[in-house]
Each structure stands twice: as C-alpha cells, then as structure tokens.
Amino acid sequence: MNNRFVLISGCSGGGKSTLLAELGGRGYAVVEEPGRRIIAEELAAGGSALPWADAAAFLRRAIDLALEDMAMAEIRSGWVFFDRGLVDAASALEASTGEPVLHAICSAYRYHRRVFMTPPWPEIYVTDSERRHGFEAATAEYRRLMETLPALGYDTVVLPKSSPSARANFVLAMLGDDNASTV
C-alpha cells in the first residue's frame, strides 16, 4: 500500500475534479483522471477507444494509464491525490466484460487505505462532450464502487455535499494533515 497516494473516486459529476483543483491550488500533487485524458486524445485523433464506442479498449487504456500515473507519482513527496484511478478502471472492465482483472491488479498496486467518494449529487451533475452518460448510469457506477472498494480492503469515506474548500479541508483532516484549514 502506498500511504501517500490518495484516491478520490465516486459518482461521475460529483465534484471530483473540482476538489482536485482545490487541492492542487493548495500546492498538493494531483493526478488528472485517466478517462478524461484518454477521451481527449481519442477525440483529437479520431480514435475509437472511447467509452461509448469501444468500452473494453477504453478501460484497458485507462488501466495502463493509471499504472503509469502511479509509477510517475513515486518521485513526488507528500500526498498525491488521484482523480479516479486503477480501481475505477479495473472494476469497470471486470463488470462490463467479466475479465477477472480487478483483484490481481488492485492487490499489487494500492492506494491509501482511505478512499474518498463523491456521492451522487444531481444538483451539480452535467453531461458534456466527454461525459455522455446520464445520472442513472453515474449512480450505478457509484454503487458498484461502494461495493468494490471495501471488498479490496479500502475504507470508503463519503464526502460531504459542500464547497470545494470545505471538501478539501475534510479530506485533509481525515488524513491527519496539519494544513486542513488553510483556506
């Protein structure tokens, strides 16, 4: 387990990226969501490894990118916050294809024992060119992750529906960081 690598996961459109921007603004190392980066690359290149075109190819790329992200983060000191990551991609691949990848990969590569989850929050949920699925699919994804993470030995902590600043303070306080209230 890497005690410095903190996974922010949960419902699509629940404010993960906004929370990571807040933490990054405070000087913490952050890693952008693999899926968003892959979608941007595939759309720009006219590729098909997209969740709505070839979900399995997209998820395999997300796993590879998440592993690269973890390797690259090793050189960082202090907390490193991940916007989604390996568990999200491996869980989705196993759920959609039945390919038994989750336990093998996620046992070998670990995050901090506490995973922070953004709950379904319909008031802020929006679709865009990269997030084309609806709120119902996002909620199903959240439920799957809330079952998967404890089965992998993680403690899930549901984030409050509050401002990005308050959420960042909450995360840092839960991690025992002395900078929890520096806003």
N, C-alpha and C. Protein backbone atom coordinates (compact mmCIF):
# COMPACT_ATOMS: atom_id res chain seq x y z
N MET A 1 0.85 -1.18 0.00
CA MET A 1 0.00 0.00 0.00
C MET A 1 0.89 1.24 0.00
N ASN A 2 0.50 2.22 -0.79
CA ASN A 2 1.22 3.47 -0.78
C ASN A 2 0.42 4.46 0.06
N ASN A 3 0.92 4.76 1.24
CA ASN A 3 0.18 5.62 2.16
C ASN A 3 0.11 7.07 1.72
N ARG A 4 0.85 7.46 0.68
CA ARG A 4 0.80 8.84 0.20
C ARG A 4 -0.16 9.03 -0.96
N PHE A 5 -0.57 7.94 -1.61
CA PHE A 5 -1.42 8.02 -2.78
C PHE A 5 -2.88 7.95 -2.36
N VAL A 6 -3.60 9.05 -2.52
CA VAL A 6 -4.98 9.14 -2.05
C VAL A 6 -5.91 9.17 -3.26
N LEU A 7 -6.83 8.22 -3.29
CA LEU A 7 -7.78 8.09 -4.39
C LEU A 7 -9.07 8.85 -4.08
N ILE A 8 -9.45 9.70 -5.01
CA ILE A 8 -10.74 10.38 -4.96
C ILE A 8 -11.58 9.72 -6.05
N SER A 9 -12.64 9.05 -5.66
CA SER A 9 -13.45 8.29 -6.60
C SER A 9 -14.91 8.64 -6.38
N GLY A 10 -15.81 7.81 -6.92
CA GLY A 10 -17.23 8.02 -6.67
C GLY A 10 -18.03 8.28 -7.91
N CYS A 11 -19.11 8.97 -7.72
CA CYS A 11 -20.08 9.22 -8.78
C CYS A 11 -19.54 10.21 -9.80
N SER A 12 -19.69 9.89 -11.08
CA SER A 12 -19.38 10.86 -12.13
C SER A 12 -20.18 12.12 -11.89
N GLY A 13 -19.55 13.25 -12.12
CA GLY A 13 -20.25 14.52 -11.96
C GLY A 13 -20.48 14.91 -10.51
N GLY A 14 -19.77 14.26 -9.59
CA GLY A 14 -19.96 14.55 -8.16
C GLY A 14 -19.00 15.56 -7.59
N GLY A 15 -18.12 16.12 -8.42
CA GLY A 15 -17.21 17.16 -7.95
C GLY A 15 -15.78 16.72 -7.69
N LYS A 16 -15.38 15.56 -8.22
CA LYS A 16 -14.01 15.08 -8.00
C LYS A 16 -12.98 16.04 -8.58
N SER A 17 -13.14 16.39 -9.83
CA SER A 17 -12.16 17.26 -10.50
C SER A 17 -12.08 18.62 -9.84
N THR A 18 -13.20 19.13 -9.39
CA THR A 18 -13.22 20.42 -8.70
C THR A 18 -12.48 20.33 -7.37
N LEU A 19 -12.67 19.24 -6.65
CA LEU A 19 -11.94 19.02 -5.40
C LEU A 19 -10.44 18.92 -5.67
N LEU A 20 -10.06 18.19 -6.71
CA LEU A 20 -8.64 18.05 -7.04
C LEU A 20 -8.04 19.39 -7.42
N ALA A 21 -8.79 20.22 -8.12
CA ALA A 21 -8.30 21.56 -8.46
C ALA A 21 -8.05 22.37 -7.20
N GLU A 22 -8.93 22.23 -6.22
CA GLU A 22 -8.75 22.93 -4.93
C GLU A 22 -7.49 22.44 -4.23
N LEU A 23 -7.30 21.12 -4.19
CA LEU A 23 -6.11 20.57 -3.54
C LEU A 23 -4.84 20.97 -4.30
N GLY A 24 -4.90 20.96 -5.62
CA GLY A 24 -3.76 21.39 -6.43
C GLY A 24 -3.43 22.86 -6.18
N GLY A 25 -4.47 23.67 -6.03
CA GLY A 25 -4.28 25.09 -5.74
C GLY A 25 -3.62 25.33 -4.40
N ARG A 26 -3.73 24.36 -3.52
CA ARG A 26 -3.08 24.46 -2.21
C ARG A 26 -1.66 23.89 -2.23
N GLY A 27 -1.22 23.49 -3.38
CA GLY A 27 0.15 23.01 -3.51
C GLY A 27 0.34 21.51 -3.44
N TYR A 28 -0.75 20.76 -3.34
CA TYR A 28 -0.63 19.30 -3.30
C TYR A 28 -0.50 18.76 -4.72
N ALA A 29 0.20 17.63 -4.83
CA ALA A 29 0.33 16.97 -6.13
C ALA A 29 -1.00 16.31 -6.47
N VAL A 30 -1.46 16.52 -7.70
CA VAL A 30 -2.71 15.90 -8.15
C VAL A 30 -2.47 15.22 -9.50
N VAL A 31 -3.23 14.16 -9.73
CA VAL A 31 -3.15 13.41 -10.97
C VAL A 31 -4.53 13.43 -11.60
N GLU A 32 -4.61 13.94 -12.81
CA GLU A 32 -5.89 14.05 -13.51
C GLU A 32 -6.46 12.68 -13.85
N GLU A 33 -7.76 12.64 -14.00
CA GLU A 33 -8.48 11.41 -14.31
C GLU A 33 -7.98 10.78 -15.62
N PRO A 34 -7.60 9.50 -15.60
CA PRO A 34 -7.16 8.84 -16.83
C PRO A 34 -8.22 8.89 -17.94
N GLY A 35 -9.46 8.63 -17.60
CA GLY A 35 -10.51 8.57 -18.61
C GLY A 35 -10.67 9.85 -19.39
N ARG A 36 -10.66 10.97 -18.72
CA ARG A 36 -10.80 12.26 -19.41
C ARG A 36 -9.63 12.50 -20.36
N ARG A 37 -8.43 12.14 -19.94
CA ARG A 37 -7.26 12.32 -20.81
C ARG A 37 -7.35 11.42 -22.04
N ILE A 38 -7.78 10.19 -21.84
CA ILE A 38 -7.91 9.25 -22.97
C ILE A 38 -8.97 9.75 -23.95
N ILE A 39 -10.11 10.18 -23.44
CA ILE A 39 -11.18 10.67 -24.31
C ILE A 39 -10.70 11.85 -25.14
N ALA A 40 -10.01 12.79 -24.50
CA ALA A 40 -9.50 13.96 -25.23
C ALA A 40 -8.54 13.52 -26.34
N GLU A 41 -7.64 12.59 -26.03
CA GLU A 41 -6.69 12.10 -27.04
C GLU A 41 -7.41 11.38 -28.18
N GLU A 42 -8.36 10.52 -27.84
CA GLU A 42 -9.06 9.75 -28.86
C GLU A 42 -9.92 10.64 -29.75
N LEU A 43 -10.59 11.62 -29.16
CA LEU A 43 -11.39 12.55 -29.96
C LEU A 43 -10.51 13.36 -30.90
N ALA A 44 -9.36 13.82 -30.40
CA ALA A 44 -8.46 14.61 -31.23
C ALA A 44 -7.87 13.79 -32.38
N ALA A 45 -7.63 12.49 -32.12
CA ALA A 45 -7.00 11.63 -33.13
C ALA A 45 -8.01 10.86 -33.98
N GLY A 46 -9.30 11.01 -33.67
CA GLY A 46 -10.31 10.24 -34.39
C GLY A 46 -10.29 8.77 -34.03
N GLY A 47 -9.83 8.46 -32.81
CA GLY A 47 -9.72 7.08 -32.35
C GLY A 47 -11.04 6.52 -31.87
N SER A 48 -11.04 5.24 -31.55
CA SER A 48 -12.27 4.57 -31.12
C SER A 48 -12.21 4.01 -29.71
N ALA A 49 -11.11 4.21 -28.97
CA ALA A 49 -11.03 3.73 -27.59
C ALA A 49 -11.77 4.72 -26.69
N LEU A 50 -13.08 4.76 -26.90
CA LEU A 50 -13.97 5.68 -26.18
C LEU A 50 -15.01 4.87 -25.44
N PRO A 51 -15.48 5.33 -24.30
CA PRO A 51 -16.44 4.54 -23.53
C PRO A 51 -17.73 4.24 -24.28
N TRP A 52 -18.12 5.08 -25.21
CA TRP A 52 -19.36 4.87 -25.96
C TRP A 52 -19.12 4.16 -27.30
N ALA A 53 -17.84 3.91 -27.66
CA ALA A 53 -17.54 3.23 -28.92
C ALA A 53 -16.93 1.85 -28.69
N ASP A 54 -15.89 1.78 -27.87
CA ASP A 54 -15.22 0.52 -27.55
C ASP A 54 -14.80 0.59 -26.08
N ALA A 55 -15.78 0.28 -25.22
CA ALA A 55 -15.56 0.43 -23.78
C ALA A 55 -14.40 -0.41 -23.27
N ALA A 56 -14.26 -1.64 -23.77
CA ALA A 56 -13.18 -2.50 -23.28
C ALA A 56 -11.80 -1.91 -23.63
N ALA A 57 -11.64 -1.42 -24.85
CA ALA A 57 -10.36 -0.80 -25.23
C ALA A 57 -10.09 0.45 -24.40
N PHE A 58 -11.13 1.24 -24.18
CA PHE A 58 -11.01 2.43 -23.35
C PHE A 58 -10.55 2.06 -21.94
N LEU A 59 -11.19 1.06 -21.33
CA LEU A 59 -10.87 0.68 -19.96
C LEU A 59 -9.49 0.06 -19.84
N ARG A 60 -9.07 -0.71 -20.83
CA ARG A 60 -7.71 -1.26 -20.81
C ARG A 60 -6.67 -0.13 -20.88
N ARG A 61 -6.94 0.87 -21.69
CA ARG A 61 -6.04 2.04 -21.75
C ARG A 61 -6.05 2.79 -20.42
N ALA A 62 -7.23 2.89 -19.79
CA ALA A 62 -7.33 3.57 -18.50
C ALA A 62 -6.52 2.83 -17.44
N ILE A 63 -6.54 1.50 -17.46
CA ILE A 63 -5.73 0.72 -16.52
C ILE A 63 -4.25 1.01 -16.76
N ASP A 64 -3.82 0.95 -18.01
CA ASP A 64 -2.41 1.21 -18.34
C ASP A 64 -1.99 2.61 -17.91
N LEU A 65 -2.84 3.59 -18.16
CA LEU A 65 -2.52 4.97 -17.80
C LEU A 65 -2.49 5.15 -16.28
N ALA A 66 -3.40 4.50 -15.57
CA ALA A 66 -3.41 4.58 -14.11
C ALA A 66 -2.13 3.97 -13.52
N LEU A 67 -1.66 2.88 -14.10
CA LEU A 67 -0.40 2.28 -13.64
C LEU A 67 0.78 3.21 -13.92
N GLU A 68 0.78 3.84 -15.09
CA GLU A 68 1.82 4.82 -15.40
C GLU A 68 1.77 6.00 -14.42
N ASP A 69 0.56 6.46 -14.12
CA ASP A 69 0.40 7.58 -13.18
C ASP A 69 0.98 7.23 -11.82
N MET A 70 0.72 6.01 -11.35
CA MET A 70 1.24 5.61 -10.05
C MET A 70 2.77 5.54 -10.06
N ALA A 71 3.34 5.03 -11.14
CA ALA A 71 4.80 4.95 -11.25
C ALA A 71 5.42 6.36 -11.28
N MET A 72 4.79 7.25 -12.03
CA MET A 72 5.30 8.62 -12.12
C MET A 72 5.17 9.36 -10.78
N ALA A 73 4.15 9.05 -10.01
CA ALA A 73 3.90 9.73 -8.74
C ALA A 73 4.91 9.32 -7.67
N GLU A 74 5.61 8.23 -7.88
CA GLU A 74 6.60 7.77 -6.89
C GLU A 74 7.67 8.82 -6.63
N ILE A 75 7.97 9.65 -7.62
CA ILE A 75 9.03 10.66 -7.43
C ILE A 75 8.55 11.86 -6.61
N ARG A 76 7.25 11.97 -6.44
CA ARG A 76 6.69 13.08 -5.67
C ARG A 76 6.82 12.80 -4.18
N SER A 77 6.92 13.86 -3.39
CA SER A 77 6.91 13.69 -1.95
C SER A 77 5.58 14.19 -1.41
N GLY A 78 5.21 13.74 -0.26
CA GLY A 78 3.95 14.15 0.35
C GLY A 78 2.75 13.50 -0.31
N TRP A 79 1.58 14.02 0.00
CA TRP A 79 0.33 13.46 -0.54
C TRP A 79 0.28 13.63 -2.05
N VAL A 80 -0.24 12.61 -2.71
CA VAL A 80 -0.53 12.68 -4.13
C VAL A 80 -1.99 12.26 -4.27
N PHE A 81 -2.81 13.15 -4.80
CA PHE A 81 -4.24 12.90 -4.94
C PHE A 81 -4.57 12.51 -6.37
N PHE A 82 -5.29 11.40 -6.51
CA PHE A 82 -5.65 10.85 -7.81
C PHE A 82 -7.14 11.04 -8.08
N ASP A 83 -7.46 11.63 -9.22
CA ASP A 83 -8.84 11.77 -9.70
C ASP A 83 -9.17 10.47 -10.43
N ARG A 84 -9.86 9.59 -9.75
CA ARG A 84 -10.09 8.23 -10.23
C ARG A 84 -8.76 7.51 -10.36
N GLY A 85 -8.80 6.29 -10.84
CA GLY A 85 -7.54 5.57 -10.98
C GLY A 85 -7.75 4.12 -11.32
N LEU A 86 -6.83 3.31 -10.83
CA LEU A 86 -6.77 1.90 -11.17
C LEU A 86 -8.02 1.14 -10.77
N VAL A 87 -8.51 1.35 -9.56
CA VAL A 87 -9.68 0.62 -9.09
C VAL A 87 -10.89 0.92 -9.96
N ASP A 88 -11.09 2.16 -10.30
CA ASP A 88 -12.22 2.56 -11.13
C ASP A 88 -12.20 1.82 -12.47
N ALA A 89 -11.04 1.86 -13.14
CA ALA A 89 -10.93 1.25 -14.46
C ALA A 89 -11.03 -0.27 -14.41
N ALA A 90 -10.32 -0.90 -13.47
CA ALA A 90 -10.34 -2.36 -13.38
C ALA A 90 -11.72 -2.87 -12.98
N SER A 91 -12.38 -2.16 -12.08
CA SER A 91 -13.74 -2.54 -11.66
C SER A 91 -14.71 -2.45 -12.84
N ALA A 92 -14.61 -1.38 -13.60
CA ALA A 92 -15.50 -1.20 -14.75
C ALA A 92 -15.23 -2.25 -15.83
N LEU A 93 -13.95 -2.56 -16.07
CA LEU A 93 -13.61 -3.57 -17.08
C LEU A 93 -14.16 -4.94 -16.67
N GLU A 94 -13.96 -5.30 -15.42
CA GLU A 94 -14.45 -6.60 -14.94
C GLU A 94 -15.98 -6.65 -14.99
N ALA A 95 -16.64 -5.56 -14.60
CA ALA A 95 -18.11 -5.53 -14.62
C ALA A 95 -18.66 -5.61 -16.04
N SER A 96 -17.98 -4.99 -16.99
CA SER A 96 -18.52 -4.95 -18.35
C SER A 96 -18.14 -6.16 -19.20
N THR A 97 -16.97 -6.77 -18.93
CA THR A 97 -16.53 -7.88 -19.78
C THR A 97 -16.46 -9.22 -19.07
N GLY A 98 -16.44 -9.19 -17.73
CA GLY A 98 -16.26 -10.41 -16.96
C GLY A 98 -14.81 -10.83 -16.84
N GLU A 99 -13.92 -10.05 -17.46
CA GLU A 99 -12.49 -10.34 -17.40
C GLU A 99 -12.00 -10.17 -15.95
N PRO A 100 -11.44 -11.22 -15.34
CA PRO A 100 -11.07 -11.15 -13.91
C PRO A 100 -9.75 -10.41 -13.66
N VAL A 101 -9.80 -9.10 -13.74
CA VAL A 101 -8.59 -8.29 -13.59
C VAL A 101 -8.52 -7.56 -12.25
N LEU A 102 -9.64 -7.33 -11.66
CA LEU A 102 -9.73 -6.43 -10.50
C LEU A 102 -8.82 -6.83 -9.35
N HIS A 103 -9.00 -8.03 -8.82
CA HIS A 103 -8.27 -8.41 -7.61
C HIS A 103 -6.78 -8.55 -7.85
N ALA A 104 -6.37 -9.10 -8.97
CA ALA A 104 -4.94 -9.28 -9.24
C ALA A 104 -4.24 -7.93 -9.35
N ILE A 105 -4.77 -7.02 -10.15
CA ILE A 105 -4.14 -5.72 -10.35
C ILE A 105 -4.21 -4.87 -9.10
N CYS A 106 -5.40 -4.84 -8.50
CA CYS A 106 -5.61 -3.94 -7.36
C CYS A 106 -5.01 -4.46 -6.06
N SER A 107 -4.59 -5.71 -6.04
CA SER A 107 -3.85 -6.23 -4.88
C SER A 107 -2.38 -5.85 -4.99
N ALA A 108 -1.87 -5.80 -6.19
CA ALA A 108 -0.46 -5.48 -6.42
C ALA A 108 -0.18 -3.98 -6.33
N TYR A 109 -1.14 -3.17 -6.72
CA TYR A 109 -0.98 -1.71 -6.74
C TYR A 109 -2.05 -1.09 -5.86
N ARG A 110 -1.61 -0.46 -4.78
CA ARG A 110 -2.55 0.02 -3.77
C ARG A 110 -2.45 1.53 -3.56
N TYR A 111 -3.57 2.08 -3.10
CA TYR A 111 -3.64 3.48 -2.68
C TYR A 111 -3.72 3.50 -1.15
N HIS A 112 -3.76 4.68 -0.59
CA HIS A 112 -4.00 4.86 0.85
C HIS A 112 -5.26 4.09 1.23
N ARG A 113 -5.32 3.59 2.44
CA ARG A 113 -6.46 2.75 2.84
C ARG A 113 -7.79 3.49 2.82
N ARG A 114 -7.76 4.81 2.95
CA ARG A 114 -9.00 5.60 2.87
C ARG A 114 -9.19 6.11 1.46
N VAL A 115 -10.34 5.79 0.91
CA VAL A 115 -10.71 6.30 -0.42
C VAL A 115 -11.88 7.25 -0.23
N PHE A 116 -11.76 8.44 -0.77
CA PHE A 116 -12.80 9.46 -0.63
C PHE A 116 -13.75 9.38 -1.82
N MET A 117 -15.04 9.29 -1.51
CA MET A 117 -16.07 9.06 -2.52
C MET A 117 -16.99 10.26 -2.66
N THR A 118 -17.15 10.74 -3.90
CA THR A 118 -18.14 11.77 -4.16
C THR A 118 -19.48 11.07 -4.37
N PRO A 119 -20.48 11.43 -3.58
CA PRO A 119 -21.79 10.78 -3.72
C PRO A 119 -22.57 11.34 -4.90
N PRO A 120 -23.59 10.64 -5.34
CA PRO A 120 -24.47 11.20 -6.37
C PRO A 120 -25.00 12.56 -5.91
N TRP A 121 -24.91 13.54 -6.78
CA TRP A 121 -25.30 14.91 -6.44
C TRP A 121 -25.98 15.51 -7.67
N PRO A 122 -27.29 15.24 -7.82
CA PRO A 122 -27.99 15.65 -9.05
C PRO A 122 -27.96 17.15 -9.30
N GLU A 123 -27.85 17.94 -8.26
CA GLU A 123 -27.86 19.39 -8.43
C GLU A 123 -26.63 19.92 -9.17
N ILE A 124 -25.53 19.18 -9.17
CA ILE A 124 -24.33 19.65 -9.87
C ILE A 124 -23.98 18.77 -11.07
N TYR A 125 -24.70 17.68 -11.27
CA TYR A 125 -24.38 16.76 -12.36
C TYR A 125 -24.69 17.38 -13.72
N VAL A 126 -23.72 17.31 -14.63
CA VAL A 126 -23.94 17.76 -16.00
C VAL A 126 -23.24 16.79 -16.95
N THR A 127 -23.77 16.67 -18.15
CA THR A 127 -23.08 15.92 -19.18
C THR A 127 -22.31 16.92 -20.03
N ASP A 128 -21.34 16.41 -20.77
CA ASP A 128 -20.58 17.25 -21.68
C ASP A 128 -20.04 16.36 -22.80
N SER A 129 -19.13 16.88 -23.61
CA SER A 129 -18.64 16.10 -24.75
C SER A 129 -17.84 14.87 -24.32
N GLU A 130 -17.34 14.88 -23.09
CA GLU A 130 -16.56 13.75 -22.60
C GLU A 130 -17.34 12.89 -21.60
N ARG A 131 -18.38 13.42 -21.03
CA ARG A 131 -19.24 12.67 -20.11
C ARG A 131 -20.63 12.62 -20.74
N ARG A 132 -20.88 11.56 -21.47
CA ARG A 132 -22.12 11.46 -22.21
C ARG A 132 -23.17 10.61 -21.53
N HIS A 133 -22.80 9.88 -20.48
CA HIS A 133 -23.77 9.03 -19.80
C HIS A 133 -24.62 9.86 -18.84
N GLY A 134 -25.80 9.37 -18.55
CA GLY A 134 -26.73 10.08 -17.70
C GLY A 134 -26.49 9.84 -16.22
N PHE A 135 -27.29 10.53 -15.42
CA PHE A 135 -27.15 10.46 -13.97
C PHE A 135 -27.42 9.06 -13.44
N GLU A 136 -28.35 8.33 -14.05
CA GLU A 136 -28.66 6.97 -13.61
C GLU A 136 -27.44 6.06 -13.76
N ALA A 137 -26.74 6.15 -14.87
CA ALA A 137 -25.52 5.36 -15.07
C ALA A 137 -24.43 5.78 -14.09
N ALA A 138 -24.33 7.07 -13.81
CA ALA A 138 -23.35 7.56 -12.84
C ALA A 138 -23.64 7.01 -11.45
N THR A 139 -24.90 6.94 -11.09
CA THR A 139 -25.30 6.42 -9.79
C THR A 139 -25.02 4.92 -9.69
N ALA A 140 -25.24 4.20 -10.77
CA ALA A 140 -24.93 2.76 -10.79
C ALA A 140 -23.42 2.54 -10.62
N GLU A 141 -22.64 3.38 -11.27
CA GLU A 141 -21.18 3.32 -11.15
C GLU A 141 -20.78 3.54 -9.68
N TYR A 142 -21.37 4.50 -9.03
CA TYR A 142 -21.09 4.80 -7.62
C TYR A 142 -21.40 3.59 -6.74
N ARG A 143 -22.56 2.99 -6.96
CA ARG A 143 -22.94 1.80 -6.15
C ARG A 143 -21.95 0.67 -6.36
N ARG A 144 -21.52 0.44 -7.61
CA ARG A 144 -20.55 -0.62 -7.88
C ARG A 144 -19.26 -0.35 -7.12
N LEU A 145 -18.77 0.87 -7.16
CA LEU A 145 -17.53 1.21 -6.47
C LEU A 145 -17.67 1.11 -4.96
N MET A 146 -18.84 1.46 -4.43
CA MET A 146 -19.06 1.36 -2.98
C MET A 146 -19.08 -0.10 -2.51
N GLU A 147 -19.34 -1.04 -3.40
CA GLU A 147 -19.23 -2.46 -3.07
C GLU A 147 -17.81 -2.97 -3.31
N THR A 148 -17.19 -2.51 -4.37
CA THR A 148 -15.87 -2.99 -4.78
C THR A 148 -14.77 -2.57 -3.81
N LEU A 149 -14.74 -1.32 -3.46
CA LEU A 149 -13.63 -0.81 -2.64
C LEU A 149 -13.50 -1.52 -1.29
N PRO A 150 -14.57 -1.68 -0.51
CA PRO A 150 -14.42 -2.43 0.74
C PRO A 150 -13.98 -3.88 0.52
N ALA A 151 -14.43 -4.48 -0.57
CA ALA A 151 -14.02 -5.86 -0.88
C ALA A 151 -12.52 -5.94 -1.17
N LEU A 152 -11.93 -4.83 -1.57
CA LEU A 152 -10.49 -4.76 -1.81
C LEU A 152 -9.71 -4.31 -0.57
N GLY A 153 -10.42 -4.10 0.54
CA GLY A 153 -9.77 -3.72 1.78
C GLY A 153 -9.64 -2.23 2.02
N TYR A 154 -10.36 -1.43 1.25
CA TYR A 154 -10.32 0.02 1.45
C TYR A 154 -11.46 0.47 2.36
N ASP A 155 -11.20 1.55 3.10
CA ASP A 155 -12.24 2.22 3.89
C ASP A 155 -12.76 3.36 3.03
N THR A 156 -14.06 3.34 2.73
CA THR A 156 -14.63 4.42 1.94
C THR A 156 -15.15 5.52 2.84
N VAL A 157 -14.85 6.74 2.47
CA VAL A 157 -15.31 7.91 3.21
C VAL A 157 -16.11 8.75 2.22
N VAL A 158 -17.39 8.89 2.47
CA VAL A 158 -18.25 9.68 1.59
C VAL A 158 -18.04 11.16 1.89
N LEU A 159 -17.73 11.91 0.85
CA LEU A 159 -17.50 13.34 1.01
C LEU A 159 -18.82 14.08 1.23
N PRO A 160 -18.77 15.12 2.04
CA PRO A 160 -19.98 15.92 2.23
C PRO A 160 -20.30 16.70 0.97
N LYS A 161 -21.57 16.99 0.78
CA LYS A 161 -22.00 17.85 -0.33
C LYS A 161 -21.81 19.28 0.14
N SER A 162 -20.60 19.79 -0.09
CA SER A 162 -20.23 21.12 0.38
C SER A 162 -19.29 21.77 -0.64
N SER A 163 -18.82 22.94 -0.32
CA SER A 163 -17.95 23.67 -1.24
C SER A 163 -16.64 22.92 -1.45
N PRO A 164 -15.95 23.20 -2.56
CA PRO A 164 -14.64 22.56 -2.78
C PRO A 164 -13.67 22.81 -1.63
N SER A 165 -13.67 24.02 -1.09
CA SER A 165 -12.79 24.35 0.02
C SER A 165 -13.11 23.50 1.26
N ALA A 166 -14.39 23.40 1.58
CA ALA A 166 -14.80 22.60 2.74
C ALA A 166 -14.49 21.12 2.51
N ARG A 167 -14.68 20.65 1.29
CA ARG A 167 -14.35 19.25 0.98
C ARG A 167 -12.85 19.01 1.14
N ALA A 168 -12.03 19.92 0.65
CA ALA A 168 -10.58 19.77 0.78
C ALA A 168 -10.18 19.75 2.24
N ASN A 169 -10.75 20.64 3.04
CA ASN A 169 -10.47 20.65 4.47
C ASN A 169 -10.85 19.32 5.11
N PHE A 170 -12.00 18.77 4.71
CA PHE A 170 -12.48 17.49 5.23
C PHE A 170 -11.49 16.37 4.89
N VAL A 171 -11.07 16.30 3.63
CA VAL A 171 -10.13 15.26 3.20
C VAL A 171 -8.83 15.37 3.99
N LEU A 172 -8.28 16.56 4.06
CA LEU A 172 -7.00 16.75 4.76
C LEU A 172 -7.12 16.43 6.24
N ALA A 173 -8.24 16.82 6.86
CA ALA A 173 -8.44 16.49 8.28
C ALA A 173 -8.54 14.98 8.48
N MET A 174 -9.23 14.30 7.57
CA MET A 174 -9.36 12.84 7.68
C MET A 174 -8.01 12.15 7.51
N LEU A 175 -7.11 12.79 6.79
CA LEU A 175 -5.76 12.23 6.59
C LEU A 175 -4.79 12.64 7.70
N GLY A 176 -5.26 13.53 8.59
CA GLY A 176 -4.41 14.00 9.67
C GLY A 176 -3.40 15.03 9.22
N ASP A 177 -3.69 15.74 8.13
CA ASP A 177 -2.79 16.75 7.60
C ASP A 177 -2.96 18.04 8.40
N ASP A 178 -1.84 18.64 8.78
CA ASP A 178 -1.88 19.87 9.57
C ASP A 178 -2.40 21.07 8.79
N ASN A 179 -2.46 20.97 7.46
CA ASN A 179 -2.91 22.08 6.62
C ASN A 179 -4.40 21.98 6.28
N ALA A 180 -5.16 21.30 7.11
CA ALA A 180 -6.57 21.02 6.81
C ALA A 180 -7.42 22.29 6.74
N SER A 181 -7.05 23.35 7.36
CA SER A 181 -7.92 24.52 7.34
C SER A 181 -7.23 25.74 6.78
N THR A 182 -6.32 25.56 5.85
CA THR A 182 -5.63 26.70 5.27
C THR A 182 -6.37 27.18 4.02
N VAL A 183 -7.41 27.94 4.22
CA VAL A 183 -8.18 28.47 3.10
C VAL A 183 -8.13 29.97 3.12
